[in-house]
Amino acid sequence: MKVVAIIVNFFIPGLGSFFVGKVGQGIAQLLLYIIGIVFVLTGIGAIIGIPLCIGVWIWGLVTAANSPGQPIQVTIVHQAAPNPLQQQVTPPKR
């Protein structure tokens, strides 16, 4: 799972952090990377945006590489729908 997180973080910083269970860092990395891209697209903000994107990219790779190799645990809860044939219908009062 760690290898997948590193590969995903290589292309989209922050997304691989979700795979290793570091949701808070993943959200921060993703938001900062998007802000850096917006700065780059404005032209003038490229002086700030490019170093920000590179820094977040490195931070994402380090986060994924230094994480413990624990899998994500997903719990699926199945709740049966009520059986309409078992419902009791009371007659309306007159």
PDB file of N, CA and C in Angstrom:
ATOM      1  N   MET A   1       0.821  -1.194   0.000  1.00  0.00           N
ATOM      2  CA  MET A   1       0.000   0.000   0.000  1.00  0.00           C
ATOM      3  C   MET A   1       0.866   1.260   0.000  1.00  0.00           C
ATOM      4  N   LYS A   2       2.037   1.150   0.636  1.00  0.00           N
ATOM      5  CA  LYS A   2       2.938   2.292   0.695  1.00  0.00           C
ATOM      6  C   LYS A   2       3.452   2.662  -0.694  1.00  0.00           C
ATOM      7  N   VAL A   3       3.738   1.652  -1.509  1.00  0.00           N
ATOM      8  CA  VAL A   3       4.238   1.903  -2.868  1.00  0.00           C
ATOM      9  C   VAL A   3       3.176   2.595  -3.708  1.00  0.00           C
ATOM     10  N   VAL A   4       1.929   2.155  -3.563  1.00  0.00           N
ATOM     11  CA  VAL A   4       0.819   2.783  -4.300  1.00  0.00           C
ATOM     12  C   VAL A   4       0.669   4.240  -3.870  1.00  0.00           C
ATOM     13  N   ALA A   5       0.786   4.501  -2.561  1.00  0.00           N
ATOM     14  CA  ALA A   5       0.672   5.871  -2.058  1.00  0.00           C
ATOM     15  C   ALA A   5       1.773   6.763  -2.618  1.00  0.00           C
ATOM     16  N   ILE A   6       2.987   6.241  -2.718  1.00  0.00           N
ATOM     17  CA  ILE A   6       4.089   7.038  -3.262  1.00  0.00           C
ATOM     18  C   ILE A   6       3.850   7.335  -4.742  1.00  0.00           C
ATOM     19  N   ILE A   7       3.389   6.332  -5.483  1.00  0.00           N
ATOM     20  CA  ILE A   7       3.125   6.533  -6.914  1.00  0.00           C
ATOM     21  C   ILE A   7       2.003   7.545  -7.130  1.00  0.00           C
ATOM     22  N   VAL A   8       0.946   7.427  -6.347  1.00  0.00           N
ATOM     23  CA  VAL A   8      -0.180   8.366  -6.492  1.00  0.00           C
ATOM     24  C   VAL A   8       0.266   9.770  -6.092  1.00  0.00           C
ATOM     25  N   ASN A   9       1.041   9.889  -5.011  1.00  0.00           N
ATOM     26  CA  ASN A   9       1.536  11.204  -4.591  1.00  0.00           C
ATOM     27  C   ASN A   9       2.494  11.799  -5.607  1.00  0.00           C
ATOM     28  N   PHE A  10       3.149  10.973  -6.387  1.00  0.00           N
ATOM     29  CA  PHE A  10       4.034  11.486  -7.428  1.00  0.00           C
ATOM     30  C   PHE A  10       3.253  12.294  -8.459  1.00  0.00           C
ATOM     31  N   PHE A  11       2.033  11.842  -8.772  1.00  0.00           N
ATOM     32  CA  PHE A  11       1.222  12.518  -9.786  1.00  0.00           C
ATOM     33  C   PHE A  11       0.277  13.562  -9.203  1.00  0.00           C
ATOM     34  N   ILE A  12      -0.335  13.266  -8.055  1.00  0.00           N
ATOM     35  CA  ILE A  12      -1.255  14.209  -7.420  1.00  0.00           C
ATOM     36  C   ILE A  12      -0.880  14.304  -5.940  1.00  0.00           C
ATOM     37  N   PRO A  13      -0.130  15.320  -5.556  1.00  0.00           N
ATOM     38  CA  PRO A  13       0.293  15.442  -4.161  1.00  0.00           C
ATOM     39  C   PRO A  13      -0.906  15.538  -3.216  1.00  0.00           C
ATOM     40  N   GLY A  14      -0.867  14.755  -2.160  1.00  0.00           N
ATOM     41  CA  GLY A  14      -1.934  14.755  -1.174  1.00  0.00           C
ATOM     42  C   GLY A  14      -2.852  13.566  -1.289  1.00  0.00           C
ATOM     43  N   LEU A  15      -3.045  13.058  -2.483  1.00  0.00           N
ATOM     44  CA  LEU A  15      -3.958  11.941  -2.678  1.00  0.00           C
ATOM     45  C   LEU A  15      -3.376  10.648  -2.104  1.00  0.00           C
ATOM     46  N   GLY A  16      -2.098  10.462  -2.213  1.00  0.00           N
ATOM     47  CA  GLY A  16      -1.469   9.272  -1.661  1.00  0.00           C
ATOM     48  C   GLY A  16      -1.468   9.257  -0.139  1.00  0.00           C
ATOM     49  N   SER A  17      -1.533  10.438   0.466  1.00  0.00           N
ATOM     50  CA  SER A  17      -1.591  10.505   1.925  1.00  0.00           C
ATOM     51  C   SER A  17      -2.903   9.932   2.447  1.00  0.00           C
ATOM     52  N   PHE A  18      -3.953  10.024   1.647  1.00  0.00           N
ATOM     53  CA  PHE A  18      -5.221   9.394   2.029  1.00  0.00           C
ATOM     54  C   PHE A  18      -5.065   7.873   2.089  1.00  0.00           C
ATOM     55  N   PHE A  19      -4.278   7.318   1.178  1.00  0.00           N
ATOM     56  CA  PHE A  19      -4.097   5.867   1.131  1.00  0.00           C
ATOM     57  C   PHE A  19      -3.399   5.333   2.371  1.00  0.00           C
ATOM     58  N   VAL A  20      -2.524   6.125   2.961  1.00  0.00           N
ATOM     59  CA  VAL A  20      -1.806   5.663   4.149  1.00  0.00           C
ATOM     60  C   VAL A  20      -2.497   6.092   5.432  1.00  0.00           C
ATOM     61  N   GLY A  21      -3.661   6.709   5.337  1.00  0.00           N
ATOM     62  CA  GLY A  21      -4.449   7.047   6.508  1.00  0.00           C
ATOM     63  C   GLY A  21      -4.183   8.411   7.114  1.00  0.00           C
ATOM     64  N   LYS A  22      -3.416   9.243   6.451  1.00  0.00           N
ATOM     65  CA  LYS A  22      -3.135  10.586   6.957  1.00  0.00           C
ATOM     66  C   LYS A  22      -4.034  11.584   6.224  1.00  0.00           C
ATOM     67  N   VAL A  23      -5.283  11.602   6.650  1.00  0.00           N
ATOM     68  CA  VAL A  23      -6.300  12.382   5.952  1.00  0.00           C
ATOM     69  C   VAL A  23      -6.061  13.878   6.106  1.00  0.00           C
ATOM     70  N   GLY A  24      -5.723  14.324   7.308  1.00  0.00           N
ATOM     71  CA  GLY A  24      -5.498  15.755   7.535  1.00  0.00           C
ATOM     72  C   GLY A  24      -4.353  16.298   6.702  1.00  0.00           C
ATOM     73  N   GLN A  25      -3.259  15.574   6.664  1.00  0.00           N
ATOM     74  CA  GLN A  25      -2.127  16.007   5.848  1.00  0.00           C
ATOM     75  C   GLN A  25      -2.467  15.937   4.367  1.00  0.00           C
ATOM     76  N   GLY A  26      -3.249  14.939   3.982  1.00  0.00           N
ATOM     77  CA  GLY A  26      -3.642  14.818   2.581  1.00  0.00           C
ATOM     78  C   GLY A  26      -4.483  15.991   2.120  1.00  0.00           C
ATOM     79  N   ILE A  27      -5.432  16.409   2.965  1.00  0.00           N
ATOM     80  CA  ILE A  27      -6.274  17.566   2.616  1.00  0.00           C
ATOM     81  C   ILE A  27      -5.415  18.821   2.517  1.00  0.00           C
ATOM     82  N   ALA A  28      -4.515  19.014   3.483  1.00  0.00           N
ATOM     83  CA  ALA A  28      -3.646  20.198   3.459  1.00  0.00           C
ATOM     84  C   ALA A  28      -2.765  20.205   2.215  1.00  0.00           C
ATOM     85  N   GLN A  29      -2.196  19.059   1.876  1.00  0.00           N
ATOM     86  CA  GLN A  29      -1.325  18.983   0.703  1.00  0.00           C
ATOM     87  C   GLN A  29      -2.099  19.257  -0.575  1.00  0.00           C
ATOM     88  N   LEU A  30      -3.276  18.674  -0.672  1.00  0.00           N
ATOM     89  CA  LEU A  30      -4.090  18.867  -1.877  1.00  0.00           C
ATOM     90  C   LEU A  30      -4.510  20.326  -2.039  1.00  0.00           C
ATOM     91  N   LEU A  31      -4.950  20.945  -0.941  1.00  0.00           N
ATOM     92  CA  LEU A  31      -5.362  22.352  -1.015  1.00  0.00           C
ATOM     93  C   LEU A  31      -4.184  23.266  -1.341  1.00  0.00           C
ATOM     94  N   LEU A  32      -3.044  23.042  -0.709  1.00  0.00           N
ATOM     95  CA  LEU A  32      -1.878  23.879  -1.001  1.00  0.00           C
ATOM     96  C   LEU A  32      -1.392  23.695  -2.438  1.00  0.00           C
ATOM     97  N   TYR A  33      -1.480  22.478  -2.946  1.00  0.00           N
ATOM     98  CA  TYR A  33      -1.070  22.244  -4.330  1.00  0.00           C
ATOM     99  C   TYR A  33      -2.004  22.965  -5.304  1.00  0.00           C
ATOM    100  N   ILE A  34      -3.304  22.918  -5.011  1.00  0.00           N
ATOM    101  CA  ILE A  34      -4.276  23.628  -5.866  1.00  0.00           C
ATOM    102  C   ILE A  34      -4.037  25.130  -5.807  1.00  0.00           C
ATOM    103  N   ILE A  35      -3.758  25.662  -4.610  1.00  0.00           N
ATOM    104  CA  ILE A  35      -3.456  27.091  -4.486  1.00  0.00           C
ATOM    105  C   ILE A  35      -2.194  27.434  -5.272  1.00  0.00           C
ATOM    106  N   GLY A  36      -1.191  26.567  -5.217  1.00  0.00           N
ATOM    107  CA  GLY A  36       0.034  26.797  -5.990  1.00  0.00           C
ATOM    108  C   GLY A  36      -0.233  26.800  -7.490  1.00  0.00           C
ATOM    109  N   ILE A  37      -1.083  25.885  -7.955  1.00  0.00           N
ATOM    110  CA  ILE A  37      -1.434  25.846  -9.384  1.00  0.00           C
ATOM    111  C   ILE A  37      -2.163  27.122  -9.788  1.00  0.00           C
ATOM    112  N   VAL A  38      -3.060  27.599  -8.933  1.00  0.00           N
ATOM    113  CA  VAL A  38      -3.777  28.852  -9.237  1.00  0.00           C
ATOM    114  C   VAL A  38      -2.786  30.009  -9.325  1.00  0.00           C
ATOM    115  N   PHE A  39      -1.810  30.042  -8.411  1.00  0.00           N
ATOM    116  CA  PHE A  39      -0.782  31.085  -8.484  1.00  0.00           C
ATOM    117  C   PHE A  39       0.014  30.996  -9.780  1.00  0.00           C
ATOM    118  N   VAL A  40       0.357  29.795 -10.191  1.00  0.00           N
ATOM    119  CA  VAL A  40       1.135  29.609 -11.422  1.00  0.00           C
ATOM    120  C   VAL A  40       0.326  30.087 -12.629  1.00  0.00           C
ATOM    121  N   LEU A  41      -0.952  29.793 -12.639  1.00  0.00           N
ATOM    122  CA  LEU A  41      -1.781  30.178 -13.788  1.00  0.00           C
ATOM    123  C   LEU A  41      -2.007  31.685 -13.880  1.00  0.00           C
ATOM    124  N   THR A  42      -1.872  32.408 -12.771  1.00  0.00           N
ATOM    125  CA  THR A  42      -2.052  33.859 -12.831  1.00  0.00           C
ATOM    126  C   THR A  42      -0.846  34.565 -13.437  1.00  0.00           C
ATOM    127  N   GLY A  43       0.293  33.904 -13.492  1.00  0.00           N
ATOM    128  CA  GLY A  43       1.473  34.504 -14.101  1.00  0.00           C
ATOM    129  C   GLY A  43       2.320  35.243 -13.095  1.00  0.00           C
ATOM    130  N   ILE A  44       1.768  36.277 -12.484  1.00  0.00           N
ATOM    131  CA  ILE A  44       2.525  37.060 -11.505  1.00  0.00           C
ATOM    132  C   ILE A  44       2.814  36.215 -10.269  1.00  0.00           C
ATOM    133  N   GLY A  45       1.862  35.372  -9.895  1.00  0.00           N
ATOM    134  CA  GLY A  45       2.036  34.534  -8.714  1.00  0.00           C
ATOM    135  C   GLY A  45       2.909  33.325  -8.939  1.00  0.00           C
ATOM    136  N   ALA A  46       3.482  33.188 -10.139  1.00  0.00           N
ATOM    137  CA  ALA A  46       4.335  32.035 -10.424  1.00  0.00           C
ATOM    138  C   ALA A  46       5.578  32.030  -9.543  1.00  0.00           C
ATOM    139  N   ILE A  47       5.992  33.206  -9.088  1.00  0.00           N
ATOM    140  CA  ILE A  47       7.149  33.289  -8.195  1.00  0.00           C
ATOM    141  C   ILE A  47       6.837  32.583  -6.876  1.00  0.00           C
ATOM    142  N   ILE A  48       5.593  32.625  -6.465  1.00  0.00           N
ATOM    143  CA  ILE A  48       5.164  31.947  -5.239  1.00  0.00           C
ATOM    144  C   ILE A  48       4.655  30.540  -5.563  1.00  0.00           C
ATOM    145  N   GLY A  49       3.945  30.389  -6.665  1.00  0.00           N
ATOM    146  CA  GLY A  49       3.269  29.136  -6.986  1.00  0.00           C
ATOM    147  C   GLY A  49       4.189  27.973  -7.289  1.00  0.00           C
ATOM    148  N   ILE A  50       5.240  28.209  -8.050  1.00  0.00           N
ATOM    149  CA  ILE A  50       6.142  27.110  -8.424  1.00  0.00           C
ATOM    150  C   ILE A  50       6.872  26.541  -7.205  1.00  0.00           C
ATOM    151  N   PRO A  51       7.487  27.384  -6.354  1.00  0.00           N
ATOM    152  CA  PRO A  51       8.110  26.806  -5.146  1.00  0.00           C
ATOM    153  C   PRO A  51       7.091  26.141  -4.217  1.00  0.00           C
ATOM    154  N   LEU A  52       5.879  26.684  -4.142  1.00  0.00           N
ATOM    155  CA  LEU A  52       4.838  26.080  -3.312  1.00  0.00           C
ATOM    156  C   LEU A  52       4.475  24.698  -3.831  1.00  0.00           C
ATOM    157  N   CYS A  53       4.292  24.568  -5.133  1.00  0.00           N
ATOM    158  CA  CYS A  53       3.973  23.265  -5.718  1.00  0.00           C
ATOM    159  C   CYS A  53       5.097  22.258  -5.519  1.00  0.00           C
ATOM    160  N   ILE A  54       6.323  22.689  -5.702  1.00  0.00           N
ATOM    161  CA  ILE A  54       7.459  21.783  -5.513  1.00  0.00           C
ATOM    162  C   ILE A  54       7.567  21.355  -4.049  1.00  0.00           C
ATOM    163  N   GLY A  55       7.377  22.299  -3.128  1.00  0.00           N
ATOM    164  CA  GLY A  55       7.443  21.977  -1.708  1.00  0.00           C
ATOM    165  C   GLY A  55       6.353  21.006  -1.279  1.00  0.00           C
ATOM    166  N   VAL A  56       5.141  21.225  -1.769  1.00  0.00           N
ATOM    167  CA  VAL A  56       4.031  20.330  -1.432  1.00  0.00           C
ATOM    168  C   VAL A  56       4.258  18.958  -2.062  1.00  0.00           C
ATOM    169  N   TRP A  57       4.807  18.928  -3.259  1.00  0.00           N
ATOM    170  CA  TRP A  57       5.088  17.658  -3.929  1.00  0.00           C
ATOM    171  C   TRP A  57       6.096  16.836  -3.121  1.00  0.00           C
ATOM    172  N   ILE A  58       7.163  17.495  -2.649  1.00  0.00           N
ATOM    173  CA  ILE A  58       8.167  16.801  -1.829  1.00  0.00           C
ATOM    174  C   ILE A  58       7.550  16.370  -0.502  1.00  0.00           C
ATOM    175  N   TRP A  59       6.751  17.237   0.113  1.00  0.00           N
ATOM    176  CA  TRP A  59       6.099  16.911   1.380  1.00  0.00           C
ATOM    177  C   TRP A  59       5.198  15.682   1.226  1.00  0.00           C
ATOM    178  N   GLY A  60       4.467  15.617   0.114  1.00  0.00           N
ATOM    179  CA  GLY A  60       3.601  14.468  -0.132  1.00  0.00           C
ATOM    180  C   GLY A  60       4.384  13.171  -0.289  1.00  0.00           C
ATOM    181  N   LEU A  61       5.482  13.224  -1.009  1.00  0.00           N
ATOM    182  CA  LEU A  61       6.296  12.025  -1.190  1.00  0.00           C
ATOM    183  C   LEU A  61       6.913  11.562   0.126  1.00  0.00           C
ATOM    184  N   VAL A  62       7.391  12.505   0.930  1.00  0.00           N
ATOM    185  CA  VAL A  62       7.991  12.153   2.213  1.00  0.00           C
ATOM    186  C   VAL A  62       6.926  11.588   3.159  1.00  0.00           C
ATOM    187  N   THR A  63       5.734  12.170   3.149  1.00  0.00           N
ATOM    188  CA  THR A  63       4.649  11.672   3.999  1.00  0.00           C
ATOM    189  C   THR A  63       4.295  10.238   3.644  1.00  0.00           C
ATOM    190  N   ALA A  64       4.193   9.947   2.365  1.00  0.00           N
ATOM    191  CA  ALA A  64       3.836   8.593   1.943  1.00  0.00           C
ATOM    192  C   ALA A  64       4.971   7.605   2.211  1.00  0.00           C
ATOM    193  N   ALA A  65       6.209   8.043   2.047  1.00  0.00           N
ATOM    194  CA  ALA A  65       7.342   7.138   2.241  1.00  0.00           C
ATOM    195  C   ALA A  65       7.599   6.829   3.715  1.00  0.00           C
ATOM    196  N   ASN A  66       7.329   7.781   4.593  1.00  0.00           N
ATOM    197  CA  ASN A  66       7.599   7.592   6.017  1.00  0.00           C
ATOM    198  C   ASN A  66       6.426   7.016   6.791  1.00  0.00           C
ATOM    199  N   SER A  67       5.352   6.723   6.128  1.00  0.00           N
ATOM    200  CA  SER A  67       4.174   6.207   6.829  1.00  0.00           C
ATOM    201  C   SER A  67       4.350   4.724   7.127  1.00  0.00           C
ATOM    202  N   PRO A  68       3.751   4.257   8.223  1.00  0.00           N
ATOM    203  CA  PRO A  68       3.810   2.818   8.498  1.00  0.00           C
ATOM    204  C   PRO A  68       2.983   2.055   7.470  1.00  0.00           C
ATOM    205  N   GLY A  69       3.384   0.855   7.181  1.00  0.00           N
ATOM    206  CA  GLY A  69       2.698   0.064   6.162  1.00  0.00           C
ATOM    207  C   GLY A  69       1.454  -0.617   6.689  1.00  0.00           C
ATOM    208  N   GLN A  70       0.485   0.164   7.117  1.00  0.00           N
ATOM    209  CA  GLN A  70      -0.757  -0.412   7.621  1.00  0.00           C
ATOM    210  C   GLN A  70      -1.867  -0.215   6.598  1.00  0.00           C
ATOM    211  N   PRO A  71      -2.674  -1.222   6.368  1.00  0.00           N
ATOM    212  CA  PRO A  71      -3.756  -1.086   5.393  1.00  0.00           C
ATOM    213  C   PRO A  71      -4.907  -0.264   5.957  1.00  0.00           C
ATOM    214  N   ILE A  72      -5.671   0.280   5.063  1.00  0.00           N
ATOM    215  CA  ILE A  72      -6.867   1.010   5.454  1.00  0.00           C
ATOM    216  C   ILE A  72      -7.943   0.000   5.823  1.00  0.00           C
ATOM    217  N   GLN A  73      -8.594   0.210   6.950  1.00  0.00           N
ATOM    218  CA  GLN A  73      -9.654  -0.680   7.380  1.00  0.00           C
ATOM    219  C   GLN A  73     -10.995  -0.049   7.036  1.00  0.00           C
ATOM    220  N   VAL A  74     -11.797  -0.792   6.317  1.00  0.00           N
ATOM    221  CA  VAL A  74     -13.121  -0.319   5.927  1.00  0.00           C
ATOM    222  C   VAL A  74     -14.143  -1.248   6.545  1.00  0.00           C
ATOM    223  N   THR A  75     -15.120  -0.678   7.230  1.00  0.00           N
ATOM    224  CA  THR A  75     -16.185  -1.464   7.832  1.00  0.00           C
ATOM    225  C   THR A  75     -17.467  -1.194   7.069  1.00  0.00           C
ATOM    226  N   ILE A  76     -18.050  -2.236   6.541  1.00  0.00           N
ATOM    227  CA  ILE A  76     -19.307  -2.113   5.802  1.00  0.00           C
ATOM    228  C   ILE A  76     -20.419  -2.645   6.692  1.00  0.00           C
ATOM    229  N   VAL A  77     -21.394  -1.800   6.948  1.00  0.00           N
ATOM    230  CA  VAL A  77     -22.517  -2.184   7.789  1.00  0.00           C
ATOM    231  C   VAL A  77     -23.722  -2.385   6.880  1.00  0.00           C
ATOM    232  N   HIS A  78     -24.263  -3.575   6.941  1.00  0.00           N
ATOM    233  CA  HIS A  78     -25.434  -3.888   6.119  1.00  0.00           C
ATOM    234  C   HIS A  78     -26.667  -3.864   7.008  1.00  0.00           C
ATOM    235  N   GLN A  79     -27.587  -3.013   6.684  1.00  0.00           N
ATOM    236  CA  GLN A  79     -28.820  -2.924   7.447  1.00  0.00           C
ATOM    237  C   GLN A  79     -29.957  -3.363   6.539  1.00  0.00           C
ATOM    238  N   ALA A  80     -30.626  -4.419   6.958  1.00  0.00           N
ATOM    239  CA  ALA A  80     -31.697  -4.971   6.139  1.00  0.00           C
ATOM    240  C   ALA A  80     -32.884  -4.020   6.117  1.00  0.00           C
ATOM    241  N   ALA A  81     -33.486  -3.918   4.967  1.00  0.00           N
ATOM    242  CA  ALA A  81     -34.680  -3.087   4.824  1.00  0.00           C
ATOM    243  C   ALA A  81     -35.852  -3.801   5.498  1.00  0.00           C
ATOM    244  N   PRO A  82     -36.773  -3.054   6.079  1.00  0.00           N
ATOM    245  CA  PRO A  82     -37.912  -3.699   6.715  1.00  0.00           C
ATOM    246  C   PRO A  82     -38.790  -4.404   5.680  1.00  0.00           C
ATOM    247  N   ASN A  83     -39.312  -5.537   6.077  1.00  0.00           N
ATOM    248  CA  ASN A  83     -40.172  -6.320   5.193  1.00  0.00           C
ATOM    249  C   ASN A  83     -41.569  -5.711   5.206  1.00  0.00           C
ATOM    250  N   PRO A  84     -42.074  -5.260   4.069  1.00  0.00           N
ATOM    251  CA  PRO A  84     -43.396  -4.621   4.066  1.00  0.00           C
ATOM    252  C   PRO A  84     -44.516  -5.596   4.415  1.00  0.00           C
ATOM    253  N   LEU A  85     -44.273  -6.886   4.259  1.00  0.00           N
ATOM    254  CA  LEU A  85     -45.319  -7.842   4.581  1.00  0.00           C
ATOM    255  C   LEU A  85     -45.470  -8.039   6.080  1.00  0.00           C
ATOM    256  N   GLN A  86     -44.454  -7.682   6.846  1.00  0.00           N
ATOM    257  CA  GLN A  86     -44.505  -7.860   8.284  1.00  0.00           C
ATOM    258  C   GLN A  86     -45.053  -6.643   9.009  1.00  0.00           C
ATOM    259  N   GLN A  87     -45.266  -5.566   8.312  1.00  0.00           N
ATOM    260  CA  GLN A  87     -45.784  -4.367   8.953  1.00  0.00           C
ATOM    261  C   GLN A  87     -47.270  -4.533   9.227  1.00  0.00           C
ATOM    262  N   GLN A  88     -47.681  -4.102  10.400  1.00  0.00           N
ATOM    263  CA  GLN A  88     -49.086  -4.176  10.753  1.00  0.00           C
ATOM    264  C   GLN A  88     -49.753  -2.868  10.380  1.00  0.00           C
ATOM    265  N   VAL A  89     -50.875  -2.996   9.736  1.00  0.00           N
ATOM    266  CA  VAL A  89     -51.636  -1.826   9.321  1.00  0.00           C
ATOM    267  C   VAL A  89     -52.838  -1.707  10.236  1.00  0.00           C
ATOM    268  N   THR A  90     -52.974  -0.566  10.870  1.00  0.00           N
ATOM    269  CA  THR A  90     -54.145  -0.351  11.724  1.00  0.00           C
ATOM    270  C   THR A  90     -55.228   0.330  10.902  1.00  0.00           C
ATOM    271  N   PRO A  91     -56.447  -0.111  11.052  1.00  0.00           N
ATOM    272  CA  PRO A  91     -57.536   0.505  10.278  1.00  0.00           C
ATOM    273  C   PRO A  91     -57.787   1.941  10.778  1.00  0.00           C
ATOM    274  N   PRO A  92     -58.189   2.812   9.883  1.00  0.00           N
ATOM    275  CA  PRO A  92     -58.460   4.197  10.298  1.00  0.00           C
ATOM    276  C   PRO A  92     -59.661   4.258  11.255  1.00  0.00           C
ATOM    277  N   LYS A  93     -59.597   5.188  12.170  1.00  0.00           N
ATOM    278  CA  LYS A  93     -60.700   5.369  13.120  1.00  0.00           C
ATOM    279  C   LYS A  93     -61.830   6.121  12.457  1.00  0.00           C
ATOM    280  N   ARG A  94     -63.059   5.700  12.816  1.00  0.00           N
ATOM    281  CA  ARG A  94     -64.235   6.381  12.238  1.00  0.00           C
ATOM    282  C   ARG A  94     -64.919   7.251  13.220  1.00  0.00           C
TER     283      ARG A  94
END
